[in-house]
C-alpha atoms as a PDB file:
ATOM      1  CA  MET A   1      -8.683  11.666 -33.844  1.00  0.00           C
ATOM      2  CA  THR A   2      -7.126  15.088 -33.290  1.00  0.00           C
ATOM      3  CA  SER A   3     -10.312  16.246 -31.549  1.00  0.00           C
ATOM      4  CA  LEU A   4     -10.138  13.315 -29.128  1.00  0.00           C
ATOM      5  CA  PHE A   5      -6.480  14.037 -28.337  1.00  0.00           C
ATOM      6  CA  ASN A   6      -7.156  17.758 -27.778  1.00  0.00           C
ATOM      7  CA  ARG A   7     -10.051  16.956 -25.464  1.00  0.00           C
ATOM      8  CA  PHE A   8      -7.861  14.494 -23.524  1.00  0.00           C
ATOM      9  CA  VAL A   9      -5.089  17.087 -23.094  1.00  0.00           C
ATOM     10  CA  ALA A  10      -7.550  19.786 -21.960  1.00  0.00           C
ATOM     11  CA  ASP A  11      -9.287  17.518 -19.407  1.00  0.00           C
ATOM     12  CA  GLU A  12      -8.091  18.407 -15.889  1.00  0.00           C
ATOM     13  CA  SER A  13     -10.462  16.271 -13.804  1.00  0.00           C
ATOM     14  CA  GLY A  14      -7.845  13.547 -13.365  1.00  0.00           C
ATOM     15  CA  ALA A  15      -5.324  16.074 -12.071  1.00  0.00           C
ATOM     16  CA  THR A  16      -7.813  17.253  -9.465  1.00  0.00           C
ATOM     17  CA  ALA A  17      -8.412  13.687  -8.294  1.00  0.00           C
ATOM     18  CA  ILE A  18      -4.667  13.113  -7.984  1.00  0.00           C
ATOM     19  CA  GLU A  19      -4.272  16.331  -5.991  1.00  0.00           C
ATOM     20  CA  TYR A  20      -7.032  15.283  -3.593  1.00  0.00           C
ATOM     21  CA  GLY A  21      -5.383  11.895  -3.227  1.00  0.00           C
ATOM     22  CA  LEU A  22      -2.044  13.492  -2.379  1.00  0.00           C
ATOM     23  CA  ILE A  23      -3.681  15.789   0.182  1.00  0.00           C
ATOM     24  CA  ALA A  24      -5.441  12.816   1.794  1.00  0.00           C
ATOM     25  CA  ALA A  25      -2.151  10.906   1.948  1.00  0.00           C
ATOM     26  CA  LEU A  26      -0.343  13.830   3.585  1.00  0.00           C
ATOM     27  CA  VAL A  27      -3.124  14.293   6.135  1.00  0.00           C
ATOM     28  CA  SER A  28      -3.070  10.578   7.001  1.00  0.00           C
ATOM     29  CA  VAL A  29       0.716  10.656   7.473  1.00  0.00           C
ATOM     30  CA  ALA A  30       0.365  13.662   9.798  1.00  0.00           C
ATOM     31  CA  ILE A  31      -2.369  11.913  11.792  1.00  0.00           C
ATOM     32  CA  LEU A  32      -0.301   8.740  12.107  1.00  0.00           C
ATOM     33  CA  GLY A  33       2.677  10.740  13.336  1.00  0.00           C
ATOM     34  CA  ALA A  34       0.583  12.584  15.903  1.00  0.00           C
ATOM     35  CA  LEU A  35      -1.061   9.398  17.150  1.00  0.00           C
ATOM     36  CA  SER A  36       2.295   7.658  17.435  1.00  0.00           C
ATOM     37  CA  THR A  37       3.707  10.484  19.552  1.00  0.00           C
ATOM     38  CA  MET A  38       0.560  10.705  21.632  1.00  0.00           C
ATOM     39  CA  GLY A  39       0.552   6.920  22.159  1.00  0.00           C
ATOM     40  CA  THR A  40       4.114   6.982  23.472  1.00  0.00           C
ATOM     41  CA  LYS A  41       3.308   9.799  25.897  1.00  0.00           C
ATOM     42  CA  LEU A  42       0.105   8.047  26.985  1.00  0.00           C
ATOM     43  CA  THR A  43       2.015   4.844  27.703  1.00  0.00           C
ATOM     44  CA  ALA A  44       4.498   6.784  29.816  1.00  0.00           C
ATOM     45  CA  THR A  45       1.640   8.433  31.725  1.00  0.00           C
ATOM     46  CA  PHE A  46      -0.078   5.115  32.476  1.00  0.00           C
ATOM     47  CA  THR A  47       3.242   3.605  33.558  1.00  0.00           C
ATOM     48  CA  SER A  48       3.791   6.523  35.919  1.00  0.00           C
ATOM     49  CA  VAL A  49       0.291   6.186  37.382  1.00  0.00           C
ATOM     50  CA  ASN A  50       0.756   2.425  37.756  1.00  0.00           C
ATOM     51  CA  ASN A  51       4.053   2.903  39.574  1.00  0.00           C
ATOM     52  CA  SER A  52       2.499   5.507  41.880  1.00  0.00           C
ATOM     53  CA  LEU A  53      -0.328   3.153  42.832  1.00  0.00           C
ATOM     54  CA  LYS A  54       2.020   0.299  43.840  1.00  0.00           C
END
């Protein structure tokens, strides 16, 4: 039983998976923020073009 516990404590593969998950979450939040800002600016650009064409 002690051997199983020691092997469980020494295993770091789960920590690596959690780190990759956190990195993926941070990247997705950054992408969503950038797309939100870009979408707002794109809407303003299309509105400006539409008003110029009228």
